C-alpha atoms as a PDB file:
ATOM      1  CA  MET A   1       0.000   0.000   0.000  1.00  0.00           C
ATOM      2  CA  THR A   2       1.425   3.370  -1.011  1.00  0.00           C
ATOM      3  CA  THR A   3       0.970   6.551   0.967  1.00  0.00           C
ATOM      4  CA  GLN A   4       0.769  10.074  -0.318  1.00  0.00           C
ATOM      5  CA  PRO A   5       3.676  12.341   0.615  1.00  0.00           C
ATOM      6  CA  ALA A   6       2.835  14.935   3.232  1.00  0.00           C
ATOM      7  CA  PRO A   7       1.943  18.345   1.740  1.00  0.00           C
ATOM      8  CA  HIS A   8       4.852  20.759   1.891  1.00  0.00           C
ATOM      9  CA  ILE A   9       4.896  24.516   1.655  1.00  0.00           C
ATOM     10  CA  PRO A  10       7.673  26.840   2.798  1.00  0.00           C
ATOM     11  CA  SER A  11       7.401  27.990   6.395  1.00  0.00           C
ATOM     12  CA  GLY A  12       5.324  31.143   6.717  1.00  0.00           C
ATOM     13  CA  THR A  13       3.801  30.838   3.236  1.00  0.00           C
ATOM     14  CA  ARG A  14       0.070  31.433   3.127  1.00  0.00           C
ATOM     15  CA  VAL A  15      -2.149  29.642   0.628  1.00  0.00           C
ATOM     16  CA  ALA A  16      -4.898  31.368  -1.361  1.00  0.00           C
ATOM     17  CA  LEU A  17      -7.533  30.425  -3.916  1.00  0.00           C
ATOM     18  CA  VAL A  18      -9.040  32.996  -6.270  1.00  0.00           C
ATOM     19  CA  THR A  19     -11.979  31.933  -8.442  1.00  0.00           C
ATOM     20  CA  GLY A  20     -12.510  33.352 -11.921  1.00  0.00           C
ATOM     21  CA  ALA A  21      -8.870  34.384 -11.929  1.00  0.00           C
ATOM     22  CA  ASN A  22      -7.691  33.985 -15.507  1.00  0.00           C
ATOM     23  CA  LYS A  23      -8.636  37.584 -16.318  1.00  0.00           C
ATOM     24  CA  GLY A  24      -9.929  40.857 -14.919  1.00  0.00           C
ATOM     25  CA  ILE A  25     -10.090  41.586 -11.202  1.00  0.00           C
ATOM     26  CA  GLY A  26      -9.490  37.950 -10.290  1.00  0.00           C
ATOM     27  CA  ARG A  27      -6.223  37.800 -12.154  1.00  0.00           C
ATOM     28  CA  ALA A  28      -5.088  41.065 -10.583  1.00  0.00           C
ATOM     29  CA  VAL A  29      -5.985  39.734  -7.114  1.00  0.00           C
ATOM     30  CA  ALA A  30      -4.033  36.541  -7.801  1.00  0.00           C
ATOM     31  CA  GLY A  31      -1.013  38.563  -8.884  1.00  0.00           C
ATOM     32  CA  GLN A  32      -1.121  40.890  -5.886  1.00  0.00           C
ATOM     33  CA  LEU A  33      -1.506  38.039  -3.398  1.00  0.00           C
ATOM     34  CA  GLY A  34       1.359  36.245  -5.127  1.00  0.00           C
ATOM     35  CA  ALA A  35       3.490  39.368  -4.860  1.00  0.00           C
ATOM     36  CA  LEU A  36       2.889  39.261  -1.095  1.00  0.00           C
ATOM     37  CA  GLY A  37       4.553  35.860  -1.019  1.00  0.00           C
ATOM     38  CA  MET A  38       1.458  33.666  -1.028  1.00  0.00           C
ATOM     39  CA  ARG A  39       1.022  30.424  -2.924  1.00  0.00           C
ATOM     40  CA  VAL A  40      -2.000  31.251  -5.074  1.00  0.00           C
ATOM     41  CA  TYR A  41      -4.300  28.796  -6.789  1.00  0.00           C
ATOM     42  CA  LEU A  42      -5.672  30.487  -9.879  1.00  0.00           C
ATOM     43  CA  GLY A  43      -9.144  29.060 -10.412  1.00  0.00           C
ATOM     44  CA  ALA A  44     -10.435  29.078 -13.982  1.00  0.00           C
ATOM     45  CA  ARG A  45     -12.869  26.901 -15.904  1.00  0.00           C
ATOM     46  CA  ASP A  46     -10.985  27.131 -19.205  1.00  0.00           C
ATOM     47  CA  ASP A  47      -7.740  25.142 -19.185  1.00  0.00           C
ATOM     48  CA  GLU A  48      -6.038  27.106 -21.953  1.00  0.00           C
ATOM     49  CA  ARG A  49      -6.784  30.523 -20.479  1.00  0.00           C
ATOM     50  CA  GLY A  50      -6.025  29.371 -16.957  1.00  0.00           C
ATOM     51  CA  ARG A  51      -2.643  27.937 -17.894  1.00  0.00           C
ATOM     52  CA  ALA A  52      -1.793  31.041 -19.934  1.00  0.00           C
ATOM     53  CA  ALA A  53      -2.507  33.257 -16.901  1.00  0.00           C
ATOM     54  CA  GLU A  54      -0.449  30.911 -14.733  1.00  0.00           C
ATOM     55  CA  ARG A  55       2.506  31.146 -17.132  1.00  0.00           C
ATOM     56  CA  ASP A  56       2.350  34.929 -17.240  1.00  0.00           C
ATOM     57  CA  LEU A  57       2.256  35.283 -13.451  1.00  0.00           C
ATOM     58  CA  ARG A  58       4.916  32.650 -12.855  1.00  0.00           C
ATOM     59  CA  ALA A  59       7.124  34.614 -15.258  1.00  0.00           C
ATOM     60  CA  GLU A  60       6.984  37.338 -12.590  1.00  0.00           C
ATOM     61  CA  ASP A  61       8.470  34.809 -10.137  1.00  0.00           C
ATOM     62  CA  LEU A  62       5.151  34.306  -8.354  1.00  0.00           C
ATOM     63  CA  ASP A  63       4.000  30.978  -6.935  1.00  0.00           C
ATOM     64  CA  VAL A  64       0.748  30.881  -8.907  1.00  0.00           C
ATOM     65  CA  ARG A  65      -0.789  27.517  -9.801  1.00  0.00           C
ATOM     66  CA  PHE A  66      -3.690  26.953 -12.161  1.00  0.00           C
ATOM     67  CA  VAL A  67      -6.485  24.740 -10.854  1.00  0.00           C
ATOM     68  CA  ARG A  68      -9.430  23.867 -13.063  1.00  0.00           C
ATOM     69  CA  LEU A  69     -12.496  25.215 -11.299  1.00  0.00           C
ATOM     70  CA  ASP A  70     -15.942  25.780 -12.735  1.00  0.00           C
ATOM     71  CA  VAL A  71     -17.987  27.090  -9.827  1.00  0.00           C
ATOM     72  CA  THR A  72     -21.212  25.822 -11.426  1.00  0.00           C
ATOM     73  CA  ASP A  73     -19.890  22.239 -11.570  1.00  0.00           C
ATOM     74  CA  GLU A  74     -19.794  20.612  -8.132  1.00  0.00           C
ATOM     75  CA  THR A  75     -17.524  17.801  -9.350  1.00  0.00           C
ATOM     76  CA  SER A  76     -15.025  20.411 -10.521  1.00  0.00           C
ATOM     77  CA  VAL A  77     -15.280  22.184  -7.163  1.00  0.00           C
ATOM     78  CA  THR A  78     -14.759  18.950  -5.232  1.00  0.00           C
ATOM     79  CA  LEU A  79     -11.712  17.997  -7.306  1.00  0.00           C
ATOM     80  CA  ALA A  80     -10.196  21.476  -6.849  1.00  0.00           C
ATOM     81  CA  ALA A  81     -10.547  21.228  -3.064  1.00  0.00           C
ATOM     82  CA  LYS A  82      -9.009  17.741  -3.126  1.00  0.00           C
ATOM     83  CA  HIS A  83      -6.056  18.963  -5.199  1.00  0.00           C
ATOM     84  CA  ILE A  84      -5.355  21.937  -2.932  1.00  0.00           C
ATOM     85  CA  GLY A  85      -5.618  19.761   0.163  1.00  0.00           C
ATOM     86  CA  GLU A  86      -3.237  17.145  -1.189  1.00  0.00           C
ATOM     87  CA  GLU A  87      -0.694  19.664  -2.467  1.00  0.00           C
ATOM     88  CA  SER A  88      -0.786  22.314   0.251  1.00  0.00           C
ATOM     89  CA  GLY A  89      -2.669  20.792   3.175  1.00  0.00           C
ATOM     90  CA  ARG A  90      -4.739  23.850   3.978  1.00  0.00           C
ATOM     91  CA  LEU A  91      -6.192  27.089   2.653  1.00  0.00           C
ATOM     92  CA  ASP A  92      -5.683  30.480   4.308  1.00  0.00           C
ATOM     93  CA  VAL A  93      -7.537  32.756   1.880  1.00  0.00           C
ATOM     94  CA  LEU A  94     -10.557  32.218  -0.355  1.00  0.00           C
ATOM     95  CA  VAL A  95     -11.534  34.993  -2.757  1.00  0.00           C
ATOM     96  CA  ASN A  96     -14.901  34.250  -4.372  1.00  0.00           C
ATOM     97  CA  ASN A  97     -14.431  36.421  -7.436  1.00  0.00           C
ATOM     98  CA  ALA A  98     -16.109  34.459 -10.239  1.00  0.00           C
ATOM     99  CA  GLY A  99     -19.151  36.352 -11.419  1.00  0.00           C
ATOM    100  CA  THR A 100     -21.380  36.951 -14.401  1.00  0.00           C
ATOM    101  CA  GLY A 101     -24.386  38.962 -15.550  1.00  0.00           C
ATOM    102  CA  ALA A 102     -26.948  38.913 -18.352  1.00  0.00           C
ATOM    103  CA  PRO A 103     -27.350  41.733 -20.899  1.00  0.00           C
ATOM    104  CA  VAL A 104     -28.826  44.761 -19.156  1.00  0.00           C
ATOM    105  CA  GLY A 105     -32.538  45.324 -19.646  1.00  0.00           C
ATOM    106  CA  ALA A 106     -35.611  46.415 -17.731  1.00  0.00           C
ATOM    107  CA  PRO A 107     -36.553  44.022 -14.908  1.00  0.00           C
ATOM    108  CA  SER A 108     -39.964  43.401 -16.473  1.00  0.00           C
ATOM    109  CA  GLU A 109     -38.269  42.346 -19.711  1.00  0.00           C
ATOM    110  CA  THR A 110     -35.632  40.084 -18.130  1.00  0.00           C
ATOM    111  CA  ALA A 111     -36.050  36.408 -18.840  1.00  0.00           C
ATOM    112  CA  VAL A 112     -36.278  34.099 -15.839  1.00  0.00           C
ATOM    113  CA  GLN A 113     -33.594  31.899 -17.404  1.00  0.00           C
ATOM    114  CA  ASP A 114     -31.167  34.843 -17.418  1.00  0.00           C
ATOM    115  CA  VAL A 115     -31.735  35.391 -13.702  1.00  0.00           C
ATOM    116  CA  ARG A 116     -31.359  31.671 -13.022  1.00  0.00           C
ATOM    117  CA  SER A 117     -28.096  31.536 -14.997  1.00  0.00           C
ATOM    118  CA  THR A 118     -26.612  34.499 -13.121  1.00  0.00           C
ATOM    119  CA  PHE A 119     -27.573  32.981  -9.769  1.00  0.00           C
ATOM    120  CA  GLU A 120     -25.898  29.694 -10.727  1.00  0.00           C
ATOM    121  CA  THR A 121     -22.526  31.462 -10.794  1.00  0.00           C
ATOM    122  CA  ASN A 122     -22.869  34.397  -8.417  1.00  0.00           C
ATOM    123  CA  VAL A 123     -24.875  32.670  -5.674  1.00  0.00           C
ATOM    124  CA  PHE A 124     -24.931  28.886  -5.898  1.00  0.00           C
ATOM    125  CA  GLY A 125     -21.372  28.751  -7.228  1.00  0.00           C
ATOM    126  CA  THR A 126     -20.127  30.790  -4.300  1.00  0.00           C
ATOM    127  CA  ILE A 127     -21.900  28.504  -1.842  1.00  0.00           C
ATOM    128  CA  ALA A 128     -20.509  25.379  -3.508  1.00  0.00           C
ATOM    129  CA  VAL A 129     -16.928  26.662  -3.452  1.00  0.00           C
ATOM    130  CA  THR A 130     -17.158  28.012   0.100  1.00  0.00           C
ATOM    131  CA  ASN A 131     -18.575  24.774   1.485  1.00  0.00           C
ATOM    132  CA  ALA A 132     -15.902  22.739  -0.278  1.00  0.00           C
ATOM    133  CA  MET A 133     -13.078  24.942   0.992  1.00  0.00           C
ATOM    134  CA  ILE A 134     -14.183  25.467   4.614  1.00  0.00           C
ATOM    135  CA  PRO A 135     -12.545  22.230   5.822  1.00  0.00           C
ATOM    136  CA  LEU A 136      -9.237  23.505   4.410  1.00  0.00           C
ATOM    137  CA  LEU A 137      -9.792  26.994   5.848  1.00  0.00           C
ATOM    138  CA  ARG A 138     -10.374  25.458   9.263  1.00  0.00           C
ATOM    139  CA  ARG A 139      -6.806  24.146   9.120  1.00  0.00           C
ATOM    140  CA  SER A 140      -5.531  27.726   8.836  1.00  0.00           C
ATOM    141  CA  GLU A 141      -4.517  29.831  11.804  1.00  0.00           C
ATOM    142  CA  ALA A 142      -6.101  32.870  10.162  1.00  0.00           C
ATOM    143  CA  GLY A 143      -8.685  31.934   7.553  1.00  0.00           C
ATOM    144  CA  ARG A 144     -10.123  34.696   5.393  1.00  0.00           C
ATOM    145  CA  ILE A 145     -13.031  34.658   2.938  1.00  0.00           C
ATOM    146  CA  VAL A 146     -13.640  37.599   0.612  1.00  0.00           C
ATOM    147  CA  ASN A 147     -16.748  37.726  -1.565  1.00  0.00           C
ATOM    148  CA  VAL A 148     -16.472  40.103  -4.513  1.00  0.00           C
ATOM    149  CA  SER A 149     -19.845  41.824  -4.519  1.00  0.00           C
ATOM    150  CA  SER A 150     -21.053  45.171  -5.868  1.00  0.00           C
ATOM    151  CA  VAL A 151     -22.638  48.315  -4.523  1.00  0.00           C
ATOM    152  CA  LEU A 152     -25.512  47.400  -6.857  1.00  0.00           C
ATOM    153  CA  GLY A 153     -26.353  44.625  -4.393  1.00  0.00           C
ATOM    154  CA  SER A 154     -27.122  47.106  -1.611  1.00  0.00           C
ATOM    155  CA  LEU A 155     -30.853  47.165  -0.897  1.00  0.00           C
ATOM    156  CA  THR A 156     -30.456  50.328   1.183  1.00  0.00           C
ATOM    157  CA  HIS A 157     -28.714  52.323  -1.545  1.00  0.00           C
ATOM    158  CA  ALA A 158     -30.998  50.917  -4.249  1.00  0.00           C
ATOM    159  CA  ALA A 159     -34.136  51.932  -2.343  1.00  0.00           C
ATOM    160  CA  ALA A 160     -32.764  55.446  -1.903  1.00  0.00           C
ATOM    161  CA  ARG A 161     -31.491  55.498  -5.507  1.00  0.00           C
ATOM    162  CA  GLU A 162     -28.204  56.738  -4.146  1.00  0.00           C
ATOM    163  CA  ASP A 163     -24.838  55.476  -5.346  1.00  0.00           C
ATOM    164  CA  PRO A 164     -22.228  56.206  -2.640  1.00  0.00           C
ATOM    165  CA  SER A 165     -19.421  55.451  -5.071  1.00  0.00           C
ATOM    166  CA  GLY A 166     -20.394  58.472  -7.145  1.00  0.00           C
ATOM    167  CA  VAL A 167     -20.478  56.614 -10.455  1.00  0.00           C
ATOM    168  CA  PHE A 168     -24.171  57.415 -10.892  1.00  0.00           C
ATOM    169  CA  PRO A 169     -25.698  60.819 -10.006  1.00  0.00           C
ATOM    170  CA  PRO A 170     -28.270  61.197  -7.196  1.00  0.00           C
ATOM    171  CA  GLY A 171     -31.600  59.697  -8.168  1.00  0.00           C
ATOM    172  CA  VAL A 172     -30.024  57.217 -10.573  1.00  0.00           C
ATOM    173  CA  PHE A 173     -29.430  53.600  -9.565  1.00  0.00           C
ATOM    174  CA  PRO A 174     -29.400  50.867 -12.233  1.00  0.00           C
ATOM    175  CA  ALA A 175     -32.299  48.427 -11.836  1.00  0.00           C
ATOM    176  CA  VAL A 176     -30.649  45.280 -13.164  1.00  0.00           C
ATOM    177  CA  LEU A 177     -32.740  42.331 -12.049  1.00  0.00           C
ATOM    178  CA  ASP A 178     -30.350  39.395 -12.383  1.00  0.00           C
ATOM    179  CA  TYR A 179     -27.081  41.029 -11.333  1.00  0.00           C
ATOM    180  CA  ASN A 180     -28.332  43.273  -8.525  1.00  0.00           C
ATOM    181  CA  THR A 181     -30.420  40.578  -6.853  1.00  0.00           C
ATOM    182  CA  SER A 182     -27.602  38.032  -7.141  1.00  0.00           C
ATOM    183  CA  LYS A 183     -25.227  40.406  -5.388  1.00  0.00           C
ATOM    184  CA  ALA A 184     -27.816  41.162  -2.705  1.00  0.00           C
ATOM    185  CA  ALA A 185     -28.050  37.413  -2.126  1.00  0.00           C
ATOM    186  CA  LEU A 186     -24.250  37.218  -2.036  1.00  0.00           C
ATOM    187  CA  ASN A 187     -24.214  39.887   0.667  1.00  0.00           C
ATOM    188  CA  ALA A 188     -26.664  37.833   2.745  1.00  0.00           C
ATOM    189  CA  ILE A 189     -24.468  34.778   2.190  1.00  0.00           C
ATOM    190  CA  THR A 190     -21.491  36.766   3.478  1.00  0.00           C
ATOM    191  CA  VAL A 191     -23.201  37.618   6.752  1.00  0.00           C
ATOM    192  CA  THR A 192     -24.494  34.081   7.196  1.00  0.00           C
ATOM    193  CA  TYR A 193     -21.055  32.479   6.854  1.00  0.00           C
ATOM    194  CA  ALA A 194     -19.464  35.222   8.961  1.00  0.00           C
ATOM    195  CA  ASN A 195     -21.824  34.419  11.816  1.00  0.00           C
ATOM    196  CA  GLU A 196     -21.046  30.714  11.617  1.00  0.00           C
ATOM    197  CA  LEU A 197     -17.276  31.122  11.415  1.00  0.00           C
ATOM    198  CA  ARG A 198     -16.452  34.196  13.507  1.00  0.00           C
ATOM    199  CA  ASP A 199     -15.843  32.201  16.697  1.00  0.00           C
ATOM    200  CA  GLU A 200     -13.305  30.087  14.808  1.00  0.00           C
ATOM    201  CA  GLY A 201     -11.286  33.133  13.787  1.00  0.00           C
ATOM    202  CA  ILE A 202     -12.308  32.931  10.115  1.00  0.00           C
ATOM    203  CA  LEU A 203     -13.236  36.404   8.877  1.00  0.00           C
ATOM    204  CA  VAL A 204     -15.790  36.742   6.075  1.00  0.00           C
ATOM    205  CA  ASN A 205     -16.401  40.031   4.286  1.00  0.00           C
ATOM    206  CA  ALA A 206     -17.916  41.393   1.070  1.00  0.00           C
ATOM    207  CA  VAL A 207     -16.156  43.911  -1.154  1.00  0.00           C
ATOM    208  CA  SER A 208     -17.356  46.206  -3.910  1.00  0.00           C
ATOM    209  CA  PRO A 209     -14.200  46.821  -5.973  1.00  0.00           C
ATOM    210  CA  GLY A 210     -15.548  49.902  -7.724  1.00  0.00           C
ATOM    211  CA  PHE A 211     -16.375  50.614 -11.360  1.00  0.00           C
ATOM    212  CA  VAL A 212     -13.567  48.580 -12.894  1.00  0.00           C
ATOM    213  CA  ALA A 213     -13.053  48.173 -16.630  1.00  0.00           C
ATOM    214  CA  THR A 214     -13.882  44.491 -17.172  1.00  0.00           C
ATOM    215  CA  ASP A 215     -15.726  42.300 -19.665  1.00  0.00           C
ATOM    216  CA  ILE A 216     -18.924  42.397 -17.606  1.00  0.00           C
ATOM    217  CA  ASN A 217     -19.374  46.160 -18.229  1.00  0.00           C
ATOM    218  CA  GLY A 218     -17.859  46.296 -21.693  1.00  0.00           C
ATOM    219  CA  HIS A 219     -14.689  47.855 -20.228  1.00  0.00           C
ATOM    220  CA  ARG A 220     -16.509  51.107 -19.526  1.00  0.00           C
ATOM    221  CA  GLY A 221     -15.247  51.303 -15.953  1.00  0.00           C
ATOM    222  CA  HIS A 222     -12.832  54.048 -14.936  1.00  0.00           C
ATOM    223  CA  LEU A 223     -10.678  51.925 -12.600  1.00  0.00           C
ATOM    224  CA  THR A 224      -8.006  49.475 -13.724  1.00  0.00           C
ATOM    225  CA  THR A 225      -8.138  45.847 -12.628  1.00  0.00           C
ATOM    226  CA  GLU A 226      -5.095  46.505 -10.439  1.00  0.00           C
ATOM    227  CA  GLN A 227      -7.026  49.256  -8.663  1.00  0.00           C
ATOM    228  CA  GLY A 228     -10.072  47.014  -8.396  1.00  0.00           C
ATOM    229  CA  ALA A 229      -7.974  44.302  -6.745  1.00  0.00           C
ATOM    230  CA  ARG A 230      -6.804  46.580  -3.940  1.00  0.00           C
ATOM    231  CA  LEU A 231      -9.698  46.140  -1.506  1.00  0.00           C
ATOM    232  CA  PRO A 232     -10.154  42.385  -2.058  1.00  0.00           C
ATOM    233  CA  VAL A 233      -6.452  41.940  -1.286  1.00  0.00           C
ATOM    234  CA  ARG A 234      -6.713  44.149   1.786  1.00  0.00           C
ATOM    235  CA  MET A 235      -9.623  42.158   3.166  1.00  0.00           C
ATOM    236  CA  ALA A 236      -7.838  38.902   2.339  1.00  0.00           C
ATOM    237  CA  THR A 237      -4.903  39.940   4.493  1.00  0.00           C
ATOM    238  CA  LEU A 238      -6.695  41.288   7.568  1.00  0.00           C
ATOM    239  CA  GLY A 239      -5.067  40.773  10.929  1.00  0.00           C
ATOM    240  CA  ALA A 240      -6.673  38.918  13.811  1.00  0.00           C
ATOM    241  CA  ASP A 241      -8.357  42.150  14.954  1.00  0.00           C
ATOM    242  CA  GLY A 242      -9.927  42.735  11.540  1.00  0.00           C
ATOM    243  CA  PRO A 243     -13.676  43.044  10.968  1.00  0.00           C
ATOM    244  CA  THR A 244     -16.060  40.349   9.836  1.00  0.00           C
ATOM    245  CA  ALA A 245     -19.561  40.556   8.297  1.00  0.00           C
ATOM    246  CA  THR A 246     -18.803  43.913   6.667  1.00  0.00           C
ATOM    247  CA  PHE A 247     -19.470  45.330   3.202  1.00  0.00           C
ATOM    248  CA  VAL A 248     -16.703  47.645   2.008  1.00  0.00           C
ATOM    249  CA  GLY A 249     -16.477  49.692  -1.182  1.00  0.00           C
ATOM    250  CA  GLU A 250     -13.646  51.322  -3.069  1.00  0.00           C
ATOM    251  CA  ASP A 251     -13.524  55.113  -2.622  1.00  0.00           C
ATOM    252  CA  GLY A 252      -9.809  55.802  -2.899  1.00  0.00           C
ATOM    253  CA  THR A 253      -9.182  55.828   0.868  1.00  0.00           C
ATOM    254  CA  PRO A 254      -6.881  53.220   2.452  1.00  0.00           C
ATOM    255  CA  ALA A 255      -9.661  51.288   4.200  1.00  0.00           C
ATOM    256  CA  GLY A 256     -12.450  51.956   1.699  1.00  0.00           C
ATOM    257  CA  GLN A 257     -15.944  53.058   2.678  1.00  0.00           C
ATOM    258  CA  ARG A 258     -18.416  51.015   4.713  1.00  0.00           C
ATOM    259  CA  LEU A 259     -21.459  50.315   2.556  1.00  0.00           C
ATOM    260  CA  ALA A 260     -24.987  49.650   3.750  1.00  0.00           C
ATOM    261  CA  TRP A 261     -26.455  46.201   3.139  1.00  0.00           C
END
């Protein structure tokens, strides 16, 4: 009977997983965490794109490792958790970045299937990945979960039609049925996990990275992906006295602005 070798990582090296990390904000988060000395698993559902991102980041002398991960495929999620556990033994940081959205239209004209498809990634995918990774996070001395949300998921700001990020003028707040409601659900998920895990020292927070130029908005955003990665990385590296169950948005200040749920 053969036995698997014990996982080995250099002393002091933290281990992170970033979903949807072959491009956009996720890739920037993976690069910034890698630059901090972490071993980063770059989750992507497309092998070719994932391995290309891995090659580019490893060329910068970063310990970035592609792992095939489709958040809507529970077998893929299970295999990713198994791989990380066997290779590294634990997980210190989980950044749930993978997200999607349907073409923007009036809520009354949005197809139910479009809403269902968005929820599969933004909501159910996040739950599947989080549940699969919690056993590995519990092996960490300082587990951190960061959910990449959006100010558009704030029920308080939506009801007031007030965008605290300043992207939209007073009285204007996009009413996007699939995306906004999925991010509101993600915010509720954040609080729910935070309440379960806070006594174990695992901090769980939601982040709105700002209006970043990415595929999901046709690259109309005014922030770069590197700028959009700043707050997710900050919340992924909180100290033991850091907050949990918070919703923080990018406003150019070091700590960001506290957003209403």
